[in-house]
Amino acid sequence: MIGIIDYDAGNIRSVEKAMKYLGQDVCITRDRDTLLQADKVILPGVGSFGDAMNHLQEYGLVDVIHELTELEKPFLGICLGLQLLFEQSEESPGVEGLGILKGEILKIPETEGLKIPETEGLKIPHMGWNSLTFQNQGRLFKGLEEHPYVYFVHSYYLKAEEESIVKATTQYGVTIHASVEKGNVFA
């Protein structure tokens, strides 16, 4: 069974539907014991970094998430779930992230009026298709051809501290660490 962590963030039902489409048995829950019994766990989400961390704390999920990742259970953070795995975000100054991975979430810089050819026409929030460049032999995208297109909707991006955990990047005025892997943690 795949446990999907419920902390009142958006996008949870979309992840549930995708997993069911793939024939997976899923359970949306915030129950510690149910999550610990799951074979794999997903932390999805759309929303604000600060609000999400408040909900994770309110529901007692911060310690559960740390416990799950320490048990070396496959753990996948998607979208806001990726961001929460890191230490902090410029979106919510003073709010600590889960700190499972080292790095920070930064605001995509405004490029309007800079007259830099590669940034002309870039809008924030970034909404659209970008290709990924793979590096460091990631497992999550194994078997995919180089430079697949994926859809982004975000105003903030990951800058991981450890370059070796970065498995895919994209460009949008800056280099965005689009996917990371460390041990059993994927995002």
Protein backbone atom coordinates (compact mmCIF):
# COMPACT_ATOMS: atom_id res chain seq x y z
CA MET A 1 0.00 0.00 0.00
CA ILE A 2 1.07 3.58 -0.73
CA GLY A 3 0.34 6.06 2.05
CA ILE A 4 -0.47 9.61 0.91
CA ILE A 5 0.05 12.12 3.71
CA ASP A 6 -3.06 14.25 4.32
CA TYR A 7 -2.26 17.66 5.71
CA ASP A 8 -5.00 19.70 3.97
CA ALA A 9 -2.81 20.71 1.01
CA GLY A 10 -4.01 20.85 -2.57
CA ASN A 11 -3.23 18.17 -5.17
CA ILE A 12 -3.71 15.18 -2.87
CA ARG A 13 -6.69 13.75 -4.79
CA SER A 14 -4.83 14.12 -8.11
CA VAL A 15 -1.99 12.00 -6.73
CA GLU A 16 -4.48 9.45 -5.41
CA LYS A 17 -6.15 9.20 -8.84
CA ALA A 18 -2.78 8.83 -10.60
CA MET A 19 -1.72 6.01 -8.27
CA LYS A 20 -5.05 4.21 -8.70
CA TYR A 21 -4.75 4.59 -12.47
CA LEU A 22 -1.39 2.81 -12.16
CA GLY A 23 -3.09 -0.01 -10.24
CA GLN A 24 -1.70 0.91 -6.83
CA ASP A 25 -3.52 0.43 -3.52
CA VAL A 26 -3.51 3.84 -1.80
CA CYS A 27 -4.64 5.35 1.46
CA ILE A 28 -4.90 9.08 2.19
CA THR A 29 -4.25 9.50 5.89
CA ARG A 30 -2.60 11.44 8.68
CA ASP A 31 -2.64 8.43 10.99
CA ARG A 32 0.87 7.57 12.21
CA ASP A 33 0.35 3.80 12.41
CA THR A 34 -1.22 3.59 8.95
CA LEU A 35 1.67 5.58 7.44
CA LEU A 36 4.25 3.42 9.21
CA GLN A 37 2.58 0.27 7.81
CA ALA A 38 2.61 1.63 4.23
CA ASP A 39 5.14 0.18 1.80
CA LYS A 40 5.81 3.61 0.30
CA VAL A 41 4.78 7.14 1.26
CA ILE A 42 4.01 10.27 -0.77
CA LEU A 43 4.00 13.86 0.48
CA PRO A 44 2.17 15.79 -2.26
CA GLY A 45 0.95 19.33 -2.08
CA VAL A 46 0.18 22.68 -3.60
CA GLY A 47 0.06 25.81 -1.48
CA SER A 48 2.10 27.99 0.84
CA PHE A 49 5.25 26.68 2.55
CA GLY A 50 4.38 28.32 5.88
CA ASP A 51 0.77 27.13 5.94
CA ALA A 52 1.85 23.61 4.99
CA MET A 53 4.43 23.43 7.79
CA ASN A 54 1.82 24.71 10.25
CA HIS A 55 -0.58 21.95 9.18
CA LEU A 56 2.12 19.26 9.41
CA GLN A 57 2.90 20.43 12.95
CA GLU A 58 -0.78 20.76 13.91
CA TYR A 59 -1.49 17.18 12.81
CA GLY A 60 1.64 15.76 14.47
CA LEU A 61 3.11 14.72 11.13
CA VAL A 62 6.58 16.28 11.37
CA ASP A 63 7.91 13.53 13.65
CA VAL A 64 6.11 10.86 11.62
CA ILE A 65 7.75 12.06 8.40
CA HIS A 66 11.18 12.00 10.05
CA GLU A 67 10.47 8.51 11.35
CA LEU A 68 9.36 7.29 7.90
CA THR A 69 12.46 8.61 6.17
CA GLU A 70 14.74 7.16 8.86
CA LEU A 71 13.10 3.73 8.38
CA GLU A 72 14.33 3.92 4.79
CA LYS A 73 10.81 3.50 3.42
CA PRO A 74 10.60 4.86 -0.15
CA PHE A 75 9.42 8.44 0.31
CA LEU A 76 8.37 10.79 -2.52
CA GLY A 77 7.82 14.53 -2.19
CA ILE A 78 5.87 16.14 -5.04
CA CYS A 79 5.69 19.89 -5.74
CA LEU A 80 5.22 21.58 -2.33
CA GLY A 81 6.12 18.19 -0.85
CA LEU A 82 9.60 18.56 -2.39
CA GLN A 83 9.98 22.06 -0.93
CA LEU A 84 8.94 20.99 2.58
CA LEU A 85 11.71 18.39 2.73
CA PHE A 86 14.27 21.21 2.81
CA GLU A 87 15.33 23.62 5.54
CA GLN A 88 13.60 26.89 4.66
CA SER A 89 11.81 28.94 2.04
CA GLU A 90 11.93 32.60 1.09
CA GLU A 91 8.14 32.33 0.78
CA SER A 92 7.81 32.06 4.56
CA PRO A 93 10.79 33.70 6.32
CA GLY A 94 11.42 32.30 9.78
CA VAL A 95 9.47 29.08 9.16
CA GLU A 96 11.61 25.96 9.38
CA GLY A 97 11.05 23.19 6.86
CA LEU A 98 11.43 19.50 7.64
CA GLY A 99 15.21 19.71 7.15
CA ILE A 100 15.46 16.14 5.87
CA LEU A 101 17.52 17.45 2.94
CA LYS A 102 19.91 20.42 2.96
CA GLY A 103 19.08 23.45 0.86
CA GLU A 104 16.61 26.25 0.51
CA ILE A 105 13.65 27.32 -1.55
CA LEU A 106 14.25 30.65 -3.31
CA LYS A 107 11.97 33.05 -5.17
CA ILE A 108 12.43 32.93 -8.93
CA PRO A 109 14.03 36.33 -9.63
CA GLU A 110 12.04 38.97 -11.49
CA THR A 111 13.61 39.40 -14.92
CA GLU A 112 11.42 42.11 -16.41
CA GLY A 113 13.51 45.00 -17.71
CA LEU A 114 16.88 43.28 -17.24
CA LYS A 115 17.52 43.09 -21.01
CA ILE A 116 19.15 39.67 -20.69
CA PRO A 117 18.22 37.71 -23.84
CA GLU A 118 17.73 34.34 -22.11
CA THR A 119 15.33 35.85 -19.55
CA GLU A 120 13.18 38.03 -21.81
CA GLY A 121 9.52 37.09 -21.65
CA LEU A 122 9.83 34.99 -18.49
CA LYS A 123 6.84 35.48 -16.22
CA ILE A 124 6.41 34.76 -12.53
CA PRO A 125 4.72 32.51 -11.57
CA HIS A 126 6.30 30.13 -14.03
CA MET A 127 3.50 28.15 -15.63
CA GLY A 128 4.40 25.94 -18.53
CA TRP A 129 6.41 23.13 -20.05
CA ASN A 130 10.18 22.90 -19.56
CA SER A 131 12.60 20.14 -20.43
CA LEU A 132 14.65 18.36 -17.79
CA THR A 133 18.37 17.71 -17.98
CA PHE A 134 19.40 14.59 -16.07
CA GLN A 135 22.57 14.29 -14.00
CA ASN A 136 24.13 12.19 -11.25
CA GLN A 137 22.48 8.92 -12.38
CA GLY A 138 19.06 9.31 -10.79
CA ARG A 139 16.72 6.36 -10.34
CA LEU A 140 13.39 8.18 -10.53
CA PHE A 141 13.63 8.94 -14.25
CA LYS A 142 15.53 5.80 -15.27
CA GLY A 143 14.50 4.67 -18.73
CA LEU A 144 13.27 8.08 -19.89
CA GLU A 145 14.94 9.74 -22.84
CA GLU A 146 17.04 12.82 -22.08
CA HIS A 147 15.22 16.18 -22.00
CA PRO A 148 11.61 15.09 -21.40
CA TYR A 149 9.12 17.91 -20.98
CA VAL A 150 7.32 18.33 -17.66
CA TYR A 151 4.83 20.95 -16.49
CA PHE A 152 5.72 23.53 -13.84
CA VAL A 153 3.52 25.88 -11.83
CA HIS A 154 5.66 27.75 -9.30
CA SER A 155 7.15 31.03 -8.13
CA TYR A 156 9.81 29.41 -5.94
CA TYR A 157 12.55 26.93 -6.79
CA LEU A 158 14.93 24.58 -5.05
CA LYS A 159 18.63 25.28 -4.58
CA ALA A 160 19.96 22.08 -3.00
CA GLU A 161 23.12 22.35 -0.90
CA GLU A 162 24.49 18.97 -2.01
CA GLU A 163 25.01 18.99 -5.78
CA SER A 164 25.28 15.17 -5.75
CA ILE A 165 21.60 14.71 -4.78
CA VAL A 166 20.37 16.74 -7.76
CA LYS A 167 19.12 14.35 -10.45
CA ALA A 168 17.32 16.72 -12.83
CA THR A 169 17.52 20.44 -13.56
CA THR A 170 15.71 22.91 -15.77
CA GLN A 171 16.32 26.51 -16.72
CA TYR A 172 13.95 29.41 -16.13
CA GLY A 173 16.12 32.48 -15.72
CA VAL A 174 18.08 30.46 -13.14
CA THR A 175 19.09 26.82 -12.79
CA ILE A 176 16.28 25.04 -10.97
CA HIS A 177 16.96 21.80 -9.13
CA ALA A 178 13.84 20.02 -10.37
CA SER A 179 14.42 16.57 -8.85
CA VAL A 180 16.57 15.19 -6.05
CA GLU A 181 17.30 11.77 -4.57
CA LYS A 182 19.10 10.80 -1.41
CA GLY A 183 18.86 7.23 -0.18
CA ASN A 184 15.15 6.42 0.07
CA VAL A 185 14.00 10.04 -0.36
CA PHE A 186 12.90 11.18 -3.82
CA ALA A 187 11.41 14.54 -4.71
